[in-house]
N, C-alpha and C. Protein backbone atom coordinates (compact mmCIF):
# COMPACT_ATOMS: atom_id res chain seq x y z
N MET A 1 0.85 -1.18 0.00
CA MET A 1 0.00 0.00 0.00
C MET A 1 0.89 1.23 0.00
N SER A 2 0.80 2.00 -1.05
CA SER A 2 1.55 3.25 -1.05
C SER A 2 0.68 4.40 -0.57
N ARG A 3 -0.55 4.45 -1.05
CA ARG A 3 -1.48 5.52 -0.66
C ARG A 3 -2.89 4.98 -0.81
N TYR A 4 -3.68 5.08 0.24
CA TYR A 4 -5.06 4.61 0.22
C TYR A 4 -5.96 5.76 0.63
N GLU A 5 -6.96 6.06 -0.20
CA GLU A 5 -7.82 7.21 0.05
C GLU A 5 -9.24 6.77 0.38
N VAL A 6 -9.76 7.35 1.45
CA VAL A 6 -11.11 7.07 1.93
C VAL A 6 -11.89 8.37 1.94
N ARG A 7 -13.15 8.32 1.51
CA ARG A 7 -14.02 9.49 1.60
C ARG A 7 -15.33 9.05 2.27
N TYR A 8 -15.70 9.79 3.31
CA TYR A 8 -17.00 9.62 3.96
C TYR A 8 -17.83 10.85 3.62
N ALA A 9 -19.11 10.65 3.28
CA ALA A 9 -19.99 11.78 2.96
C ALA A 9 -21.36 11.52 3.56
N ALA A 10 -21.99 12.62 4.02
CA ALA A 10 -23.29 12.51 4.68
C ALA A 10 -23.96 13.87 4.75
N ILE A 11 -25.13 13.86 5.35
CA ILE A 11 -25.82 15.10 5.72
C ILE A 11 -25.55 15.31 7.20
N GLY A 12 -25.22 16.50 7.57
CA GLY A 12 -24.89 16.79 8.97
C GLY A 12 -23.40 16.69 9.16
N GLY A 13 -22.90 15.50 9.21
CA GLY A 13 -21.48 15.30 9.12
C GLY A 13 -20.67 15.04 10.36
N GLN A 14 -21.21 15.29 11.55
CA GLN A 14 -20.41 15.07 12.75
C GLN A 14 -19.96 13.61 12.85
N GLY A 15 -20.85 12.68 12.50
CA GLY A 15 -20.51 11.26 12.57
C GLY A 15 -19.40 10.86 11.62
N ILE A 16 -19.45 11.39 10.39
CA ILE A 16 -18.40 11.01 9.44
C ILE A 16 -17.07 11.64 9.80
N ILE A 17 -17.12 12.84 10.37
CA ILE A 17 -15.88 13.47 10.80
C ILE A 17 -15.27 12.66 11.95
N THR A 18 -16.11 12.17 12.85
CA THR A 18 -15.63 11.31 13.93
C THR A 18 -15.06 10.02 13.37
N ALA A 19 -15.75 9.40 12.42
CA ALA A 19 -15.24 8.17 11.81
C ALA A 19 -13.88 8.40 11.17
N ALA A 20 -13.74 9.51 10.46
CA ALA A 20 -12.46 9.84 9.81
C ALA A 20 -11.37 10.07 10.85
N THR A 21 -11.70 10.79 11.91
CA THR A 21 -10.73 11.05 12.98
C THR A 21 -10.27 9.75 13.63
N LEU A 22 -11.21 8.85 13.88
CA LEU A 22 -10.86 7.55 14.46
C LEU A 22 -9.97 6.74 13.52
N LEU A 23 -10.31 6.73 12.24
CA LEU A 23 -9.53 5.99 11.25
C LEU A 23 -8.08 6.49 11.22
N VAL A 24 -7.90 7.80 11.20
CA VAL A 24 -6.56 8.37 11.19
C VAL A 24 -5.82 8.01 12.48
N ALA A 25 -6.47 8.15 13.61
CA ALA A 25 -5.82 7.86 14.90
C ALA A 25 -5.37 6.41 14.98
N ILE A 26 -6.21 5.49 14.54
CA ILE A 26 -5.85 4.07 14.58
C ILE A 26 -4.67 3.80 13.64
N ALA A 27 -4.72 4.35 12.43
CA ALA A 27 -3.63 4.14 11.48
C ALA A 27 -2.30 4.67 12.02
N VAL A 28 -2.33 5.83 12.64
CA VAL A 28 -1.10 6.46 13.14
C VAL A 28 -0.63 5.84 14.46
N GLU A 29 -1.55 5.77 15.43
CA GLU A 29 -1.16 5.37 16.78
C GLU A 29 -1.01 3.86 16.96
N LYS A 30 -1.81 3.08 16.26
CA LYS A 30 -1.78 1.62 16.45
C LYS A 30 -1.02 0.89 15.36
N GLU A 31 -0.89 1.52 14.17
CA GLU A 31 -0.29 0.80 13.05
C GLU A 31 0.95 1.48 12.48
N ASN A 32 1.35 2.58 13.09
CA ASN A 32 2.56 3.30 12.67
C ASN A 32 2.56 3.67 11.19
N LYS A 33 1.39 4.01 10.68
CA LYS A 33 1.28 4.48 9.30
C LYS A 33 1.21 6.00 9.32
N HIS A 34 1.33 6.58 8.17
CA HIS A 34 1.12 8.02 8.03
C HIS A 34 -0.32 8.21 7.58
N ALA A 35 -1.00 9.20 8.15
CA ALA A 35 -2.40 9.44 7.78
C ALA A 35 -2.77 10.88 8.04
N VAL A 36 -3.62 11.41 7.19
CA VAL A 36 -4.16 12.76 7.35
C VAL A 36 -5.65 12.73 7.07
N GLU A 37 -6.34 13.69 7.66
CA GLU A 37 -7.78 13.85 7.47
C GLU A 37 -8.04 15.25 6.93
N SER A 38 -8.92 15.34 5.95
CA SER A 38 -9.33 16.64 5.42
C SER A 38 -10.85 16.73 5.49
N PRO A 39 -11.39 17.16 6.63
CA PRO A 39 -12.85 17.25 6.74
C PRO A 39 -13.39 18.55 6.18
N THR A 40 -14.66 18.52 5.83
CA THR A 40 -15.38 19.74 5.49
C THR A 40 -15.92 20.27 6.81
N ILE A 41 -15.40 21.40 7.23
CA ILE A 41 -15.87 21.98 8.49
C ILE A 41 -16.43 23.35 8.16
N THR A 42 -17.72 23.37 7.89
CA THR A 42 -18.41 24.61 7.53
C THR A 42 -19.80 24.56 8.15
N ALA A 43 -20.63 25.48 7.78
CA ALA A 43 -22.02 25.46 8.24
C ALA A 43 -22.72 24.18 7.77
N ALA A 44 -22.16 23.54 6.74
CA ALA A 44 -22.74 22.29 6.23
C ALA A 44 -22.77 21.21 7.30
N VAL A 45 -21.85 21.28 8.25
CA VAL A 45 -21.79 20.28 9.30
C VAL A 45 -23.07 20.32 10.15
N ARG A 46 -23.81 21.37 10.07
CA ARG A 46 -25.02 21.51 10.86
C ARG A 46 -26.28 21.18 10.06
N GLY A 47 -26.17 20.36 9.05
CA GLY A 47 -27.36 19.93 8.34
C GLY A 47 -27.24 19.85 6.83
N GLY A 48 -26.16 20.31 6.27
CA GLY A 48 -25.96 20.23 4.83
C GLY A 48 -25.04 19.07 4.46
N ALA A 49 -24.77 18.97 3.17
CA ALA A 49 -23.86 17.93 2.69
C ALA A 49 -22.45 18.22 3.17
N THR A 50 -21.78 17.19 3.62
CA THR A 50 -20.41 17.35 4.09
C THR A 50 -19.61 16.09 3.78
N LYS A 51 -18.29 16.21 3.87
CA LYS A 51 -17.42 15.06 3.61
C LYS A 51 -16.19 15.13 4.48
N ALA A 52 -15.55 13.99 4.62
CA ALA A 52 -14.26 13.91 5.30
C ALA A 52 -13.41 12.93 4.50
N ASP A 53 -12.26 13.39 4.04
CA ASP A 53 -11.33 12.54 3.30
C ASP A 53 -10.19 12.12 4.22
N VAL A 54 -9.77 10.87 4.07
CA VAL A 54 -8.64 10.34 4.83
C VAL A 54 -7.65 9.74 3.84
N ILE A 55 -6.40 10.05 4.05
CA ILE A 55 -5.33 9.45 3.24
C ILE A 55 -4.42 8.69 4.20
N ILE A 56 -4.21 7.41 3.91
CA ILE A 56 -3.34 6.55 4.72
C ILE A 56 -2.23 6.04 3.82
N SER A 57 -1.01 6.08 4.34
CA SER A 57 0.14 5.68 3.54
C SER A 57 1.24 5.11 4.42
N GLU A 58 2.04 4.25 3.83
CA GLU A 58 3.25 3.78 4.52
C GLU A 58 4.30 4.88 4.53
N ASP A 59 4.22 5.76 3.54
CA ASP A 59 5.16 6.87 3.41
C ASP A 59 4.51 8.17 3.87
N ARG A 60 5.31 9.16 4.13
CA ARG A 60 4.80 10.47 4.52
C ARG A 60 3.84 10.99 3.45
N VAL A 61 2.73 11.56 3.87
CA VAL A 61 1.74 12.09 2.94
C VAL A 61 2.18 13.51 2.55
N ILE A 62 2.58 13.67 1.31
CA ILE A 62 3.08 14.95 0.82
C ILE A 62 1.91 15.86 0.42
N TYR A 63 0.94 15.29 -0.28
CA TYR A 63 -0.21 16.06 -0.74
C TYR A 63 -1.45 15.56 -0.01
N PRO A 64 -2.00 16.37 0.91
CA PRO A 64 -3.07 15.88 1.79
C PRO A 64 -4.49 15.95 1.21
N GLN A 65 -4.63 16.14 -0.07
CA GLN A 65 -5.96 16.19 -0.68
C GLN A 65 -6.22 14.90 -1.46
N ALA A 66 -7.47 14.46 -1.45
CA ALA A 66 -7.85 13.25 -2.17
C ALA A 66 -7.73 13.46 -3.67
N MET A 67 -7.14 12.48 -4.34
CA MET A 67 -6.98 12.54 -5.79
C MET A 67 -7.66 11.37 -6.49
N ALA A 68 -7.68 10.22 -5.85
CA ALA A 68 -8.27 9.01 -6.43
C ALA A 68 -8.79 8.14 -5.29
N ILE A 69 -10.08 8.28 -5.00
CA ILE A 69 -10.71 7.63 -3.85
C ILE A 69 -10.77 6.11 -4.07
N ASP A 70 -10.25 5.37 -3.09
CA ASP A 70 -10.29 3.91 -3.13
C ASP A 70 -11.55 3.36 -2.46
N PHE A 71 -12.04 4.07 -1.44
CA PHE A 71 -13.17 3.60 -0.64
C PHE A 71 -14.06 4.79 -0.30
N PHE A 72 -15.35 4.67 -0.61
CA PHE A 72 -16.30 5.77 -0.41
C PHE A 72 -17.52 5.25 0.33
N VAL A 73 -17.88 5.93 1.42
CA VAL A 73 -19.11 5.62 2.15
C VAL A 73 -19.98 6.87 2.11
N CYS A 74 -21.24 6.70 1.71
CA CYS A 74 -22.15 7.84 1.67
C CYS A 74 -23.52 7.41 2.18
N THR A 75 -24.11 8.28 3.02
CA THR A 75 -25.39 7.93 3.63
C THR A 75 -26.55 8.81 3.19
N HIS A 76 -26.37 9.59 2.13
CA HIS A 76 -27.48 10.42 1.65
C HIS A 76 -27.26 10.78 0.18
N ARG A 77 -28.35 10.95 -0.55
CA ARG A 77 -28.28 11.20 -2.00
C ARG A 77 -27.61 12.53 -2.36
N LYS A 78 -27.83 13.59 -1.58
CA LYS A 78 -27.25 14.89 -1.93
C LYS A 78 -25.72 14.86 -1.90
N PRO A 79 -25.09 14.43 -0.81
CA PRO A 79 -23.62 14.37 -0.83
C PRO A 79 -23.09 13.32 -1.80
N TYR A 80 -23.89 12.28 -2.08
CA TYR A 80 -23.47 11.29 -3.07
C TYR A 80 -23.27 11.97 -4.42
N ALA A 81 -24.25 12.76 -4.83
CA ALA A 81 -24.15 13.46 -6.11
C ALA A 81 -23.01 14.47 -6.10
N MET A 82 -22.79 15.11 -4.97
CA MET A 82 -21.77 16.16 -4.88
C MET A 82 -20.35 15.62 -4.78
N TYR A 83 -20.16 14.51 -4.09
CA TYR A 83 -18.81 14.08 -3.71
C TYR A 83 -18.34 12.76 -4.31
N LYS A 84 -19.06 12.24 -5.31
CA LYS A 84 -18.61 10.98 -5.90
C LYS A 84 -17.53 11.18 -6.97
N ASP A 85 -17.18 12.42 -7.22
CA ASP A 85 -16.07 12.66 -8.15
C ASP A 85 -14.78 12.16 -7.50
N LYS A 86 -13.82 11.91 -8.27
CA LYS A 86 -12.50 11.44 -7.82
C LYS A 86 -12.50 10.00 -7.30
N ILE A 87 -13.61 9.28 -7.49
CA ILE A 87 -13.63 7.87 -7.09
C ILE A 87 -13.00 7.05 -8.21
N LYS A 88 -12.05 6.20 -7.85
CA LYS A 88 -11.39 5.33 -8.84
C LYS A 88 -12.40 4.42 -9.51
N ASP A 89 -12.08 3.99 -10.71
CA ASP A 89 -12.96 3.08 -11.44
C ASP A 89 -13.21 1.77 -10.70
N ASN A 90 -12.23 1.29 -9.96
CA ASN A 90 -12.35 0.00 -9.28
C ASN A 90 -12.53 0.15 -7.76
N ALA A 91 -13.08 1.27 -7.34
CA ALA A 91 -13.23 1.56 -5.92
C ALA A 91 -14.32 0.69 -5.26
N ILE A 92 -14.25 0.63 -3.94
CA ILE A 92 -15.30 0.04 -3.13
C ILE A 92 -16.20 1.19 -2.70
N VAL A 93 -17.49 1.08 -2.98
CA VAL A 93 -18.44 2.15 -2.67
C VAL A 93 -19.57 1.58 -1.81
N VAL A 94 -19.79 2.20 -0.66
CA VAL A 94 -20.86 1.80 0.25
C VAL A 94 -21.88 2.93 0.26
N ILE A 95 -23.11 2.60 -0.08
CA ILE A 95 -24.17 3.60 -0.06
C ILE A 95 -25.30 3.11 0.85
N ASP A 96 -25.96 4.08 1.49
CA ASP A 96 -27.10 3.73 2.33
C ASP A 96 -28.26 3.36 1.41
N SER A 97 -28.65 2.12 1.46
CA SER A 97 -29.65 1.59 0.53
C SER A 97 -31.04 2.20 0.74
N ASN A 98 -31.29 2.82 1.88
CA ASN A 98 -32.59 3.45 2.12
C ASN A 98 -32.63 4.91 1.70
N LEU A 99 -31.47 5.49 1.39
CA LEU A 99 -31.42 6.92 1.11
C LEU A 99 -30.83 7.30 -0.24
N ILE A 100 -30.20 6.36 -0.91
CA ILE A 100 -29.60 6.64 -2.23
C ILE A 100 -30.19 5.64 -3.23
N PHE A 101 -30.88 6.17 -4.23
CA PHE A 101 -31.55 5.31 -5.20
C PHE A 101 -30.94 5.42 -6.58
N ASP A 102 -30.56 6.62 -6.99
CA ASP A 102 -29.98 6.84 -8.32
C ASP A 102 -28.46 6.84 -8.18
N LYS A 103 -27.85 5.73 -8.58
CA LYS A 103 -26.40 5.61 -8.44
C LYS A 103 -25.63 6.27 -9.59
N GLY A 104 -26.31 6.51 -10.71
CA GLY A 104 -25.63 7.11 -11.85
C GLY A 104 -24.61 6.16 -12.44
N ASP A 105 -23.56 6.71 -13.03
CA ASP A 105 -22.49 5.93 -13.65
C ASP A 105 -21.62 5.34 -12.55
N ILE A 106 -21.72 4.02 -12.37
CA ILE A 106 -20.97 3.38 -11.28
C ILE A 106 -19.65 2.77 -11.75
N LYS A 107 -19.31 2.98 -13.00
CA LYS A 107 -18.04 2.50 -13.55
C LYS A 107 -17.83 1.04 -13.18
N ASN A 108 -16.69 0.70 -12.61
CA ASN A 108 -16.42 -0.68 -12.17
C ASN A 108 -16.40 -0.77 -10.65
N TRP A 109 -17.17 0.08 -10.00
CA TRP A 109 -17.18 0.10 -8.54
C TRP A 109 -17.78 -1.18 -7.97
N ALA A 110 -17.23 -1.60 -6.87
CA ALA A 110 -17.83 -2.69 -6.09
C ALA A 110 -18.81 -2.02 -5.13
N ILE A 111 -20.10 -2.07 -5.48
CA ILE A 111 -21.14 -1.37 -4.72
C ILE A 111 -21.67 -2.27 -3.61
N HIS A 112 -21.73 -1.71 -2.40
CA HIS A 112 -22.35 -2.38 -1.26
C HIS A 112 -23.49 -1.49 -0.79
N GLU A 113 -24.71 -1.99 -0.91
CA GLU A 113 -25.87 -1.22 -0.48
C GLU A 113 -26.25 -1.69 0.93
N ILE A 114 -26.02 -0.82 1.90
CA ILE A 114 -26.20 -1.16 3.31
C ILE A 114 -27.06 -0.07 3.97
N PRO A 115 -28.13 -0.45 4.66
CA PRO A 115 -28.97 0.54 5.35
C PRO A 115 -28.33 1.00 6.68
N ILE A 116 -27.23 1.71 6.58
CA ILE A 116 -26.42 2.07 7.75
C ILE A 116 -27.23 2.84 8.80
N ILE A 117 -27.92 3.87 8.37
CA ILE A 117 -28.65 4.73 9.31
C ILE A 117 -29.77 3.94 10.00
N GLN A 118 -30.58 3.25 9.23
CA GLN A 118 -31.70 2.49 9.80
C GLN A 118 -31.20 1.41 10.75
N GLU A 119 -30.19 0.66 10.34
CA GLU A 119 -29.68 -0.42 11.19
C GLU A 119 -29.08 0.11 12.49
N THR A 120 -28.36 1.21 12.40
CA THR A 120 -27.78 1.80 13.61
C THR A 120 -28.89 2.23 14.56
N LYS A 121 -29.90 2.89 14.02
CA LYS A 121 -31.00 3.37 14.85
C LYS A 121 -31.78 2.20 15.47
N GLU A 122 -32.10 1.20 14.65
CA GLU A 122 -32.90 0.07 15.14
C GLU A 122 -32.13 -0.83 16.10
N LYS A 123 -30.89 -1.14 15.78
CA LYS A 123 -30.14 -2.11 16.58
C LYS A 123 -29.46 -1.49 17.80
N LEU A 124 -29.05 -0.23 17.69
CA LEU A 124 -28.30 0.39 18.78
C LEU A 124 -29.06 1.52 19.47
N GLY A 125 -30.08 2.05 18.81
CA GLY A 125 -30.91 3.07 19.41
C GLY A 125 -30.30 4.47 19.49
N ARG A 126 -29.12 4.65 18.94
CA ARG A 126 -28.43 5.95 18.99
C ARG A 126 -27.71 6.19 17.66
N LEU A 127 -28.16 7.21 16.93
CA LEU A 127 -27.53 7.52 15.65
C LEU A 127 -26.09 7.99 15.80
N VAL A 128 -25.72 8.50 16.98
CA VAL A 128 -24.35 8.95 17.20
C VAL A 128 -23.35 7.80 16.99
N LEU A 129 -23.82 6.57 17.10
CA LEU A 129 -22.94 5.41 16.91
C LEU A 129 -22.69 5.08 15.44
N THR A 130 -23.32 5.84 14.53
CA THR A 130 -23.08 5.64 13.10
C THR A 130 -21.60 5.78 12.77
N SER A 131 -20.90 6.63 13.50
CA SER A 131 -19.47 6.82 13.24
C SER A 131 -18.68 5.53 13.46
N VAL A 132 -18.97 4.83 14.54
CA VAL A 132 -18.25 3.59 14.84
C VAL A 132 -18.72 2.47 13.91
N VAL A 133 -20.00 2.44 13.58
CA VAL A 133 -20.49 1.46 12.62
C VAL A 133 -19.79 1.66 11.27
N THR A 134 -19.68 2.91 10.84
CA THR A 134 -19.01 3.23 9.57
C THR A 134 -17.53 2.85 9.61
N LEU A 135 -16.87 3.15 10.71
CA LEU A 135 -15.46 2.76 10.88
C LEU A 135 -15.32 1.25 10.75
N SER A 136 -16.20 0.50 11.40
CA SER A 136 -16.13 -0.95 11.37
C SER A 136 -16.41 -1.50 9.97
N ILE A 137 -17.36 -0.91 9.25
CA ILE A 137 -17.61 -1.31 7.86
C ILE A 137 -16.36 -1.06 7.02
N THR A 138 -15.71 0.08 7.25
CA THR A 138 -14.48 0.40 6.53
C THR A 138 -13.42 -0.67 6.78
N GLN A 139 -13.24 -1.02 8.03
CA GLN A 139 -12.24 -2.04 8.37
C GLN A 139 -12.58 -3.37 7.70
N ALA A 140 -13.84 -3.78 7.79
CA ALA A 140 -14.25 -5.08 7.26
C ALA A 140 -14.08 -5.18 5.75
N LEU A 141 -14.41 -4.11 5.03
CA LEU A 141 -14.37 -4.16 3.57
C LEU A 141 -13.01 -3.84 2.96
N THR A 142 -12.15 -3.14 3.72
CA THR A 142 -10.86 -2.74 3.15
C THR A 142 -9.65 -3.40 3.81
N GLY A 143 -9.74 -3.69 5.08
CA GLY A 143 -8.58 -4.21 5.81
C GLY A 143 -7.49 -3.16 5.97
N ILE A 144 -7.81 -1.89 5.73
CA ILE A 144 -6.81 -0.82 5.80
C ILE A 144 -6.28 -0.63 7.22
N ILE A 145 -7.08 -1.02 8.21
CA ILE A 145 -6.60 -1.11 9.60
C ILE A 145 -6.95 -2.51 10.09
N GLU A 146 -6.22 -2.96 11.08
CA GLU A 146 -6.46 -4.30 11.65
C GLU A 146 -7.66 -4.24 12.60
N TYR A 147 -8.44 -5.30 12.59
CA TYR A 147 -9.62 -5.39 13.46
C TYR A 147 -9.22 -5.21 14.93
N ALA A 148 -8.19 -5.92 15.37
CA ALA A 148 -7.77 -5.85 16.77
C ALA A 148 -7.35 -4.43 17.17
N ASN A 149 -6.70 -3.73 16.25
CA ASN A 149 -6.29 -2.36 16.54
C ASN A 149 -7.50 -1.43 16.64
N MET A 150 -8.50 -1.66 15.81
CA MET A 150 -9.72 -0.87 15.87
C MET A 150 -10.42 -1.08 17.21
N VAL A 151 -10.57 -2.32 17.60
CA VAL A 151 -11.23 -2.63 18.87
C VAL A 151 -10.47 -2.02 20.03
N SER A 152 -9.16 -2.19 20.03
CA SER A 152 -8.33 -1.65 21.11
C SER A 152 -8.46 -0.13 21.20
N TYR A 153 -8.40 0.54 20.07
CA TYR A 153 -8.48 2.00 20.08
C TYR A 153 -9.86 2.48 20.55
N VAL A 154 -10.91 1.87 20.04
CA VAL A 154 -12.26 2.28 20.43
C VAL A 154 -12.48 2.02 21.92
N ARG A 155 -11.92 0.95 22.45
CA ARG A 155 -12.02 0.69 23.90
C ARG A 155 -11.40 1.84 24.70
N GLU A 156 -10.26 2.35 24.23
CA GLU A 156 -9.58 3.45 24.92
C GLU A 156 -10.33 4.78 24.73
N TRP A 157 -10.94 4.95 23.59
CA TRP A 157 -11.57 6.21 23.19
C TRP A 157 -13.00 6.38 23.71
N ALA A 158 -13.74 5.29 23.81
CA ALA A 158 -15.17 5.35 24.14
C ALA A 158 -15.41 6.07 25.47
N PRO A 159 -16.40 6.95 25.49
CA PRO A 159 -16.74 7.65 26.74
C PRO A 159 -17.17 6.66 27.82
N LYS A 160 -16.88 7.01 29.04
CA LYS A 160 -17.24 6.18 30.19
C LYS A 160 -18.74 5.89 30.15
N GLY A 161 -19.09 4.66 30.34
CA GLY A 161 -20.49 4.25 30.33
C GLY A 161 -21.01 3.88 28.95
N PHE A 162 -20.19 4.07 27.89
CA PHE A 162 -20.64 3.80 26.53
C PHE A 162 -19.78 2.76 25.81
N LEU A 163 -18.91 2.09 26.56
CA LEU A 163 -18.03 1.09 25.95
C LEU A 163 -18.83 -0.04 25.30
N ASP A 164 -19.81 -0.59 26.03
CA ASP A 164 -20.59 -1.69 25.48
C ASP A 164 -21.30 -1.30 24.18
N LEU A 165 -21.89 -0.12 24.15
CA LEU A 165 -22.57 0.33 22.93
C LEU A 165 -21.59 0.49 21.77
N ASN A 166 -20.40 0.99 22.05
CA ASN A 166 -19.40 1.13 20.99
C ASN A 166 -18.91 -0.22 20.49
N MET A 167 -18.79 -1.20 21.38
CA MET A 167 -18.41 -2.55 20.96
C MET A 167 -19.54 -3.17 20.13
N GLN A 168 -20.78 -2.90 20.51
CA GLN A 168 -21.92 -3.38 19.71
C GLN A 168 -21.92 -2.71 18.33
N ALA A 169 -21.51 -1.45 18.27
CA ALA A 169 -21.42 -0.74 16.98
C ALA A 169 -20.37 -1.38 16.09
N ILE A 170 -19.25 -1.77 16.67
CA ILE A 170 -18.22 -2.49 15.89
C ILE A 170 -18.79 -3.80 15.36
N ASP A 171 -19.46 -4.56 16.22
CA ASP A 171 -20.06 -5.82 15.78
C ASP A 171 -21.09 -5.61 14.67
N LEU A 172 -21.90 -4.56 14.82
CA LEU A 172 -22.92 -4.28 13.80
C LEU A 172 -22.26 -3.94 12.47
N GLY A 173 -21.23 -3.11 12.48
CA GLY A 173 -20.53 -2.77 11.25
C GLY A 173 -19.94 -4.00 10.56
N GLN A 174 -19.34 -4.89 11.35
CA GLN A 174 -18.78 -6.12 10.77
C GLN A 174 -19.89 -6.97 10.15
N HIS A 175 -21.01 -7.08 10.85
CA HIS A 175 -22.15 -7.85 10.35
C HIS A 175 -22.72 -7.24 9.04
N LEU A 176 -22.88 -5.93 9.04
CA LEU A 176 -23.46 -5.27 7.86
C LEU A 176 -22.56 -5.38 6.63
N ALA A 177 -21.26 -5.47 6.86
CA ALA A 177 -20.31 -5.55 5.75
C ALA A 177 -20.29 -6.92 5.08
N LYS A 178 -20.86 -7.92 5.72
CA LYS A 178 -20.83 -9.28 5.16
C LYS A 178 -21.80 -9.45 4.03
């Protein structure tokens, strides 16, 4: 792996920014890789389309902007239309099957239609856990971080009293990715 690019896109955006931050932290702190995050931090984070790009590399990241997305997760049609540019022809693309219907030109993408929002709400009862579910789906479909490192980091990171819910979010993400 020389350079691996991930893009998360959604409406609102706090969850995807958290997922991106966690992904970078795990890559850097647990796997000794180089990683950077480029989130959209604007008024869009409060209800509009937003995105967070992550670049992970064995080498120092010289150019911190996404150029050819390897893995894309999107949970709403508006950011899907806005941010699907720069996706490689052979990328892995995860879309929320309940919120994105018109996929457009999917090139040679490996499409995974997963009801991320609905499943998180129904199984865990808290949409805030979408970030950890998304992180776990990323791990399961890409292997860009090790499962054990993800679990270890989330155990250290999870707020007091919410460890069990975060571990359930990891399990749900792994299950949804199958």
